[in-house]
Every structure is written in structure tokens, then in C-alpha cells.
C-alpha atoms as a PDB file:
ATOM      1  CA  MET A   1      -7.795  -1.015 -31.220  1.00  0.00           C
ATOM      2  CA  ASP A   2      -4.495  -2.356 -33.169  1.00  0.00           C
ATOM      3  CA  ILE A   3      -2.792  -5.166 -30.467  1.00  0.00           C
ATOM      4  CA  GLU A   4       0.136  -5.095 -32.461  1.00  0.00           C
ATOM      5  CA  SER A   5       0.741  -1.655 -32.837  1.00  0.00           C
ATOM      6  CA  ILE A   6       0.765  -1.527 -29.141  1.00  0.00           C
ATOM      7  CA  ARG A   7       3.280  -4.632 -28.810  1.00  0.00           C
ATOM      8  CA  SER A   8       5.731  -3.119 -31.288  1.00  0.00           C
ATOM      9  CA  GLY A   9       5.868  -0.038 -28.934  1.00  0.00           C
ATOM     10  CA  GLN A  10       4.434   1.745 -31.300  1.00  0.00           C
ATOM     11  CA  LEU A  11       1.324   3.208 -29.376  1.00  0.00           C
ATOM     12  CA  LYS A  12       2.350   4.611 -26.483  1.00  0.00           C
ATOM     13  CA  GLN A  13      -0.655   7.044 -25.629  1.00  0.00           C
ATOM     14  CA  LEU A  14      -3.273   4.529 -24.370  1.00  0.00           C
ATOM     15  CA  ALA A  15      -4.750   6.297 -21.264  1.00  0.00           C
ATOM     16  CA  GLY A  16      -8.136   4.964 -20.599  1.00  0.00           C
ATOM     17  CA  VAL A  17      -7.966   2.423 -23.354  1.00  0.00           C
ATOM     18  CA  ASN A  18      -9.931  -0.817 -23.071  1.00  0.00           C
ATOM     19  CA  LEU A  19      -7.457  -3.734 -23.074  1.00  0.00           C
ATOM     20  CA  GLU A  20      -9.154  -6.441 -21.020  1.00  0.00           C
ATOM     21  CA  ASP A  21      -7.937  -9.933 -21.081  1.00  0.00           C
ATOM     22  CA  GLU A  22      -5.395  -8.474 -23.677  1.00  0.00           C
ATOM     23  CA  ASP A  23      -2.111 -10.648 -24.311  1.00  0.00           C
ATOM     24  CA  LEU A  24       0.803  -8.252 -23.469  1.00  0.00           C
ATOM     25  CA  SER A  25       2.922 -10.856 -21.847  1.00  0.00           C
ATOM     26  CA  ASN A  26       6.936 -10.463 -22.424  1.00  0.00           C
ATOM     27  CA  LEU A  27       7.031  -7.071 -24.463  1.00  0.00           C
ATOM     28  CA  ASP A  28       8.937  -3.714 -23.538  1.00  0.00           C
ATOM     29  CA  LEU A  29       6.260  -1.307 -22.784  1.00  0.00           C
ATOM     30  CA  SER A  30       8.321   1.036 -20.316  1.00  0.00           C
ATOM     31  CA  GLY A  31       7.075   4.210 -20.870  1.00  0.00           C
ATOM     32  CA  ILE A  32       3.421   3.341 -21.865  1.00  0.00           C
ATOM     33  CA  ASN A  33       0.903   5.877 -20.426  1.00  0.00           C
ATOM     34  CA  LEU A  34      -2.331   3.236 -19.283  1.00  0.00           C
ATOM     35  CA  ALA A  35      -3.911   5.902 -17.070  1.00  0.00           C
ATOM     36  CA  GLY A  36      -7.089   5.189 -16.463  1.00  0.00           C
ATOM     37  CA  ALA A  37      -7.265   1.709 -18.550  1.00  0.00           C
ATOM     38  CA  SER A  38      -9.388  -0.901 -18.436  1.00  0.00           C
ATOM     39  CA  LEU A  39      -7.020  -3.804 -17.602  1.00  0.00           C
ATOM     40  CA  VAL A  40      -9.091  -6.874 -16.045  1.00  0.00           C
ATOM     41  CA  GLY A  41      -7.700  -9.824 -16.449  1.00  0.00           C
ATOM     42  CA  VAL A  42      -4.250  -8.694 -18.955  1.00  0.00           C
ATOM     43  CA  ASN A  43      -1.666 -11.071 -19.313  1.00  0.00           C
ATOM     44  CA  PHE A  44       1.261  -8.799 -18.357  1.00  0.00           C
ATOM     45  CA  ASN A  45       3.920 -11.430 -17.333  1.00  0.00           C
ATOM     46  CA  ARG A  46       7.529 -10.895 -17.851  1.00  0.00           C
ATOM     47  CA  THR A  47       6.864  -7.351 -19.695  1.00  0.00           C
ATOM     48  CA  LYS A  48       8.615  -4.268 -18.876  1.00  0.00           C
ATOM     49  CA  LEU A  49       6.402  -1.074 -17.618  1.00  0.00           C
ATOM     50  CA  ALA A  50       8.754   0.679 -16.305  1.00  0.00           C
ATOM     51  CA  ARG A  51       7.848   4.605 -16.042  1.00  0.00           C
ATOM     52  CA  ALA A  52       4.673   3.567 -17.413  1.00  0.00           C
ATOM     53  CA  ARG A  53       1.674   4.980 -16.184  1.00  0.00           C
ATOM     54  CA  LEU A  54      -0.703   2.968 -14.654  1.00  0.00           C
ATOM     55  CA  ASP A  55      -2.404   5.354 -12.038  1.00  0.00           C
ATOM     56  CA  GLY A  56      -6.046   4.712 -11.744  1.00  0.00           C
ATOM     57  CA  ALA A  57      -5.844   1.754 -14.171  1.00  0.00           C
ATOM     58  CA  ASN A  58      -8.515  -0.946 -13.498  1.00  0.00           C
ATOM     59  CA  LEU A  59      -5.723  -4.512 -13.288  1.00  0.00           C
ATOM     60  CA  ILE A  60      -8.104  -6.752 -11.497  1.00  0.00           C
ATOM     61  CA  GLY A  61      -7.177 -10.209 -11.897  1.00  0.00           C
ATOM     62  CA  ALA A  62      -4.070  -9.295 -13.594  1.00  0.00           C
ATOM     63  CA  GLN A  63      -0.996 -11.138 -14.530  1.00  0.00           C
ATOM     64  CA  LEU A  64       1.888  -9.694 -14.002  1.00  0.00           C
ATOM     65  CA  VAL A  65       4.694 -12.403 -12.500  1.00  0.00           C
ATOM     66  CA  GLY A  66       7.754 -11.144 -13.025  1.00  0.00           C
ATOM     67  CA  ALA A  67       6.828  -7.730 -14.488  1.00  0.00           C
ATOM     68  CA  ASP A  68       9.013  -4.730 -14.324  1.00  0.00           C
ATOM     69  CA  LEU A  69       6.987  -2.351 -12.054  1.00  0.00           C
ATOM     70  CA  ARG A  70       8.863   0.554 -11.109  1.00  0.00           C
ATOM     71  CA  THR A  71       6.516   2.926 -12.218  1.00  0.00           C
ATOM     72  CA  ASN A  72       3.202   5.047 -11.553  1.00  0.00           C
ATOM     73  CA  LEU A  73       0.027   2.981 -10.099  1.00  0.00           C
ATOM     74  CA  LEU A  74      -0.963   5.596  -7.954  1.00  0.00           C
ATOM     75  CA  GLY A  75      -5.664   4.785  -7.448  1.00  0.00           C
ATOM     76  CA  ALA A  76      -4.660   1.544  -8.689  1.00  0.00           C
ATOM     77  CA  ASN A  77      -7.297  -1.451  -8.258  1.00  0.00           C
ATOM     78  CA  LEU A  78      -4.826  -4.605  -8.483  1.00  0.00           C
ATOM     79  CA  MET A  79      -7.975  -6.464  -6.428  1.00  0.00           C
ATOM     80  CA  GLN A  80      -7.126 -10.483  -7.352  1.00  0.00           C
ATOM     81  CA  ALA A  81      -3.843  -9.250  -9.571  1.00  0.00           C
ATOM     82  CA  ASP A  82      -1.019 -12.109  -9.812  1.00  0.00           C
ATOM     83  CA  LEU A  83       2.169  -9.575  -8.731  1.00  0.00           C
ATOM     84  CA  THR A  84       4.518 -12.858  -8.139  1.00  0.00           C
ATOM     85  CA  GLY A  85       7.760 -11.995  -8.305  1.00  0.00           C
ATOM     86  CA  ALA A  86       7.415  -8.861  -9.729  1.00  0.00           C
ATOM     87  CA  ASP A  87       9.901  -5.553  -9.272  1.00  0.00           C
ATOM     88  CA  LEU A  88       7.939  -2.906  -7.556  1.00  0.00           C
ATOM     89  CA  ARG A  89      11.008  -1.063  -6.387  1.00  0.00           C
ATOM     90  CA  GLY A  90      10.251   2.757  -5.658  1.00  0.00           C
ATOM     91  CA  SER A  91       6.477   2.507  -7.269  1.00  0.00           C
ATOM     92  CA  ASN A  92       3.944   4.627  -6.589  1.00  0.00           C
ATOM     93  CA  LEU A  93       1.471   2.290  -4.843  1.00  0.00           C
ATOM     94  CA  ARG A  94      -0.561   5.012  -3.008  1.00  0.00           C
ATOM     95  CA  GLY A  95      -4.144   4.407  -1.922  1.00  0.00           C
ATOM     96  CA  ALA A  96      -3.461   1.404  -4.234  1.00  0.00           C
ATOM     97  CA  ASN A  97      -5.910  -1.644  -3.673  1.00  0.00           C
ATOM     98  CA  LEU A  98      -3.832  -4.685  -3.361  1.00  0.00           C
ATOM     99  CA  MET A  99      -6.974  -7.150  -2.124  1.00  0.00           C
ATOM    100  CA  ARG A 100      -6.129 -10.675  -2.607  1.00  0.00           C
ATOM    101  CA  ALA A 101      -3.735 -10.398  -4.365  1.00  0.00           C
ATOM    102  CA  LYS A 102      -0.844 -12.633  -4.836  1.00  0.00           C
ATOM    103  CA  LEU A 103       2.641 -10.598  -3.847  1.00  0.00           C
ATOM    104  CA  THR A 104       4.805 -13.924  -3.318  1.00  0.00           C
ATOM    105  CA  GLN A 105       8.336 -12.769  -4.032  1.00  0.00           C
ATOM    106  CA  THR A 106       7.291  -9.408  -4.656  1.00  0.00           C
ATOM    107  CA  ILE A 107      10.081  -6.943  -3.946  1.00  0.00           C
ATOM    108  CA  PHE A 108       8.186  -3.411  -2.421  1.00  0.00           C
ATOM    109  CA  THR A 109      11.785  -2.103  -1.493  1.00  0.00           C
ATOM    110  CA  GLY A 110      11.131   1.856  -0.809  1.00  0.00           C
ATOM    111  CA  ALA A 111       7.641   1.592  -2.864  1.00  0.00           C
ATOM    112  CA  PHE A 112       4.846   4.032  -1.505  1.00  0.00           C
ATOM    113  CA  LEU A 113       2.274   2.229  -0.481  1.00  0.00           C
ATOM    114  CA  SER A 114       0.938   4.862   2.190  1.00  0.00           C
ATOM    115  CA  GLY A 115      -3.281   4.550   2.209  1.00  0.00           C
ATOM    116  CA  ALA A 116      -2.878   1.122   0.425  1.00  0.00           C
ATOM    117  CA  ASN A 117      -5.774  -1.069   1.082  1.00  0.00           C
ATOM    118  CA  LEU A 118      -3.438  -4.833   1.966  1.00  0.00           C
ATOM    119  CA  VAL A 119      -6.261  -6.338   3.662  1.00  0.00           C
ATOM    120  CA  GLY A 120      -5.503 -10.003   4.611  1.00  0.00           C
ATOM    121  CA  VAL A 121      -2.457 -10.642   1.652  1.00  0.00           C
ATOM    122  CA  ASN A 122       0.231 -12.717   1.971  1.00  0.00           C
ATOM    123  CA  LEU A 123       3.513 -11.292   2.046  1.00  0.00           C
ATOM    124  CA  GLN A 124       4.853 -14.013   4.086  1.00  0.00           C
ATOM    125  CA  GLY A 125       9.096 -13.512   3.640  1.00  0.00           C
ATOM    126  CA  VAL A 126       8.584 -10.668   1.181  1.00  0.00           C
ATOM    127  CA  ASP A 127      11.167  -7.370   1.239  1.00  0.00           C
ATOM    128  CA  LEU A 128       9.584  -4.386   2.332  1.00  0.00           C
ATOM    129  CA  ARG A 129      12.739  -2.325   3.394  1.00  0.00           C
ATOM    130  CA  SER A 130      11.973   1.446   3.331  1.00  0.00           C
ATOM    131  CA  ALA A 131       8.512   0.852   2.149  1.00  0.00           C
ATOM    132  CA  ASP A 132       6.201   4.048   2.804  1.00  0.00           C
ATOM    133  CA  LEU A 133       3.260   2.131   4.484  1.00  0.00           C
ATOM    134  CA  ARG A 134       1.612   5.353   6.006  1.00  0.00           C
ATOM    135  CA  GLY A 135      -1.876   4.792   7.354  1.00  0.00           C
ATOM    136  CA  ALA A 136      -2.157   1.869   5.123  1.00  0.00           C
ATOM    137  CA  ASN A 137      -4.648  -1.106   6.036  1.00  0.00           C
ATOM    138  CA  LEU A 138      -2.634  -4.297   6.751  1.00  0.00           C
ATOM    139  CA  SER A 139      -5.169  -5.952   9.190  1.00  0.00           C
ATOM    140  CA  GLY A 140      -4.585  -9.788   8.860  1.00  0.00           C
ATOM    141  CA  ALA A 141      -1.983  -9.564   6.742  1.00  0.00           C
ATOM    142  CA  ASN A 142       0.700 -12.656   6.874  1.00  0.00           C
ATOM    143  CA  LEU A 143       3.973 -10.572   7.452  1.00  0.00           C
ATOM    144  CA  GLN A 144       6.003 -13.609   8.517  1.00  0.00           C
ATOM    145  CA  GLY A 145       9.277 -13.269   7.888  1.00  0.00           C
ATOM    146  CA  ALA A 146       8.996  -9.963   6.018  1.00  0.00           C
ATOM    147  CA  ASN A 147      11.582  -7.329   6.181  1.00  0.00           C
ATOM    148  CA  LEU A 148      10.287  -3.863   6.908  1.00  0.00           C
ATOM    149  CA  SER A 149      13.304  -2.319   8.248  1.00  0.00           C
ATOM    150  CA  GLN A 150      13.399   0.953   8.034  1.00  0.00           C
ATOM    151  CA  ALA A 151       9.604   0.876   6.842  1.00  0.00           C
ATOM    152  CA  ASP A 152       7.434   3.995   7.354  1.00  0.00           C
ATOM    153  CA  LEU A 153       4.288   2.343   9.271  1.00  0.00           C
ATOM    154  CA  GLN A 154       3.172   5.253  10.868  1.00  0.00           C
ATOM    155  CA  GLY A 155      -0.557   5.001  11.703  1.00  0.00           C
ATOM    156  CA  ALA A 156      -0.775   2.009   9.257  1.00  0.00           C
ATOM    157  CA  LEU A 157      -3.487  -0.345  10.146  1.00  0.00           C
ATOM    158  CA  LEU A 158      -2.461  -4.223  11.180  1.00  0.00           C
ATOM    159  CA  SER A 159      -4.738  -5.770  13.764  1.00  0.00           C
ATOM    160  CA  GLU A 160      -4.853  -9.646  14.112  1.00  0.00           C
ATOM    161  CA  ALA A 161      -1.283  -9.002  11.327  1.00  0.00           C
ATOM    162  CA  ASN A 162       1.432 -11.610  11.599  1.00  0.00           C
ATOM    163  CA  LEU A 163       4.422 -10.564  12.409  1.00  0.00           C
ATOM    164  CA  GLU A 164       6.600 -13.569  13.468  1.00  0.00           C
ATOM    165  CA  GLU A 165      10.162 -13.174  12.996  1.00  0.00           C
ATOM    166  CA  ALA A 166       9.116  -9.614  10.708  1.00  0.00           C
ATOM    167  CA  ASP A 167      12.404  -7.999  10.555  1.00  0.00           C
ATOM    168  CA  LEU A 168      11.306  -4.041  11.757  1.00  0.00           C
ATOM    169  CA  GLN A 169      14.278  -2.339  13.195  1.00  0.00           C
ATOM    170  CA  GLY A 170      14.296   0.902  12.658  1.00  0.00           C
ATOM    171  CA  ALA A 171      10.921   0.841  10.863  1.00  0.00           C
ATOM    172  CA  ASN A 172       8.439   3.565  12.636  1.00  0.00           C
ATOM    173  CA  LEU A 173       5.267   2.539  14.332  1.00  0.00           C
ATOM    174  CA  ALA A 174       4.226   5.598  15.618  1.00  0.00           C
ATOM    175  CA  GLY A 175       0.381   5.384  16.267  1.00  0.00           C
ATOM    176  CA  ALA A 176      -0.123   2.282  14.812  1.00  0.00           C
ATOM    177  CA  ASN A 177      -2.709  -0.219  15.368  1.00  0.00           C
ATOM    178  CA  LEU A 178      -0.763  -3.787  15.922  1.00  0.00           C
ATOM    179  CA  SER A 179      -3.771  -4.985  19.060  1.00  0.00           C
ATOM    180  CA  GLY A 180      -3.923  -8.767  18.033  1.00  0.00           C
ATOM    181  CA  ALA A 181      -1.165  -9.032  15.918  1.00  0.00           C
ATOM    182  CA  ASN A 182       1.371 -11.384  16.349  1.00  0.00           C
ATOM    183  CA  LEU A 183       4.886 -10.218  17.179  1.00  0.00           C
ATOM    184  CA  LEU A 184       6.804 -13.694  17.803  1.00  0.00           C
ATOM    185  CA  CYS A 185      10.322 -13.335  18.025  1.00  0.00           C
ATOM    186  CA  ALA A 186      10.056  -9.823  15.904  1.00  0.00           C
ATOM    187  CA  GLU A 187      12.629  -8.027  15.475  1.00  0.00           C
ATOM    188  CA  LEU A 188      11.911  -4.222  17.043  1.00  0.00           C
ATOM    189  CA  LYS A 189      15.447  -2.687  17.626  1.00  0.00           C
ATOM    190  CA  ASP A 190      15.588   1.107  17.382  1.00  0.00           C
ATOM    191  CA  ALA A 191      11.444   0.770  16.538  1.00  0.00           C
ATOM    192  CA  ASN A 192       9.376   3.636  16.848  1.00  0.00           C
ATOM    193  CA  LEU A 193       6.537   2.593  19.047  1.00  0.00           C
ATOM    194  CA  ASN A 194       5.088   5.626  20.167  1.00  0.00           C
ATOM    195  CA  GLY A 195       2.059   5.630  20.352  1.00  0.00           C
ATOM    196  CA  VAL A 196       1.260   1.941  19.724  1.00  0.00           C
ATOM    197  CA  ASN A 197      -1.845  -0.171  20.346  1.00  0.00           C
ATOM    198  CA  LEU A 198      -0.477  -3.376  21.750  1.00  0.00           C
ATOM    199  CA  ALA A 199      -3.750  -4.473  23.392  1.00  0.00           C
ATOM    200  CA  SER A 200      -3.754  -8.497  22.663  1.00  0.00           C
ATOM    201  CA  THR A 201      -0.299  -8.319  21.060  1.00  0.00           C
ATOM    202  CA  CYS A 202       2.103 -11.725  21.351  1.00  0.00           C
ATOM    203  CA  LEU A 203       5.401 -10.044  21.836  1.00  0.00           C
ATOM    204  CA  LEU A 204       7.108 -12.962  23.193  1.00  0.00           C
ATOM    205  CA  GLY A 205      10.660 -13.122  21.986  1.00  0.00           C
ATOM    206  CA  THR A 206      10.630  -9.562  21.411  1.00  0.00           C
ATOM    207  CA  ALA A 207      12.664  -6.466  23.239  1.00  0.00           C
ATOM    208  CA  LEU A 208       9.340  -5.502  24.872  1.00  0.00           C
ATOM    209  CA  ASP A 209       8.966  -9.624  26.087  1.00  0.00           C
ATOM    210  CA  ALA A 210       9.714  -8.829  29.718  1.00  0.00           C
ATOM    211  CA  LEU A 211       7.566  -5.326  29.070  1.00  0.00           C
ATOM    212  CA  ALA A 212       4.370  -6.933  27.505  1.00  0.00           C
ATOM    213  CA  PRO A 213       1.745  -5.795  30.201  1.00  0.00           C
ATOM    214  CA  ALA A 214       3.107  -2.342  30.435  1.00  0.00           C
ATOM    215  CA  ALA A 215       3.255  -2.672  26.526  1.00  0.00           C
ATOM    216  CA  GLN A 216       0.208  -3.540  26.150  1.00  0.00           C
ATOM    217  CA  ASN A 217      -1.295  -0.844  27.928  1.00  0.00           C
ATOM    218  CA  ARG A 218      -0.023   1.497  25.750  1.00  0.00           C
END
């Protein structure tokens, strides 16, 4: 594989290619086709990947710090990837695996994360406004102070998640599982809580505080 041709932007059609552990940092690879590629451990730090195809790509352990990932990551494996400060606004992450990924200051505004695996991830303070998280697995995730206003969490798994002081204004939580979750001082104004499982959920300081026993029996 001619890595220099990739770095210069001459090679764009690279579906299924093996680029494991290559250094592709600080490049403009906008629009490149890496669908189904093996990108384990690749260094994409600060690389522009807007409008690229990374659907089905294997990005286990990849370095994506500050990368522009406003792109297609449908079903991608991002397990243990470092996405610190990455831009994922409006990205397609449906069914993606983000277990143990580093997501500090990652921007997910308007991202499509339905069915994504986010078990136990640290999303403290992360921007998830208007994100589509329907059916996503966020069990045990740390969402303290996260902005989930207007997010669609219908049917999401949030058992044992930490949502302390999270902004859930206008969020759709219909049918979500929040059993054992921490919602201490979370903002729930105009949130849709129809059919939510709130068993053993901490609701202190929320609009549901006074109704906690009834709410937990829903």
C-alpha cells in the first residue's frame, strides 16, 4: 500500500484496506472511502474525515483526538479508541461499538447513536443535544452534567447510569430503563417519561422528587 499517496489525498477508494498502526495524523482525508477497513491502532489525531466512509471499519484502539468525524461510522468498532475532543456532530454511529472509548469533550450534537454500545463509558459533561440514542446501551455510563436536552432516548438502557445534574429537558425517555440510575438534581422539564422503569432510581432534587415512590412504581 502506497501510504504517501493516501497522505497526499490521491488515493480515495480504500474500502476494506488494511492500515493497522499507520500514522495518518494531521491530514485532510475528507471524503475518503474506508468502509470495512482494518484501522486498528491507526493515528488519526486532528485528521479531517468529514464525509468519509468508515461504516463497518475496525477502529479498535485508534487515536482520533480532535479529529473531524462528521461522517458515516455505521456499525464501526471504536472499542478503546481515543475520541477526546473529536467532532461527531450529525455523524452516523448507529450500531457502533464505543465500549471503553475515551470520550472526554467529544461533541455528539445531533449524532445518530441508535443501538450503539456505550456500556460503562465516561460521557461526563459531553454535548449530546438532539442526539438519537434510541435503543442505545448506556448501562453504567457516566453522564454526569451531560447535555441531553431534546435527545431521543426512547427504549434506551440506562440502568445504573450516573445522570447527576444532567440536562434532560425535552428529552424522549419513553420506555427507557433507568433502574438504579442516579438522577440527582437532573433537569427533567418537558421530558417524556412514559413507561420509564425508575425502580430504585435516585430522583432527589428533580421535578419527580416529591413523586418518587409513585414514579418508581411505573
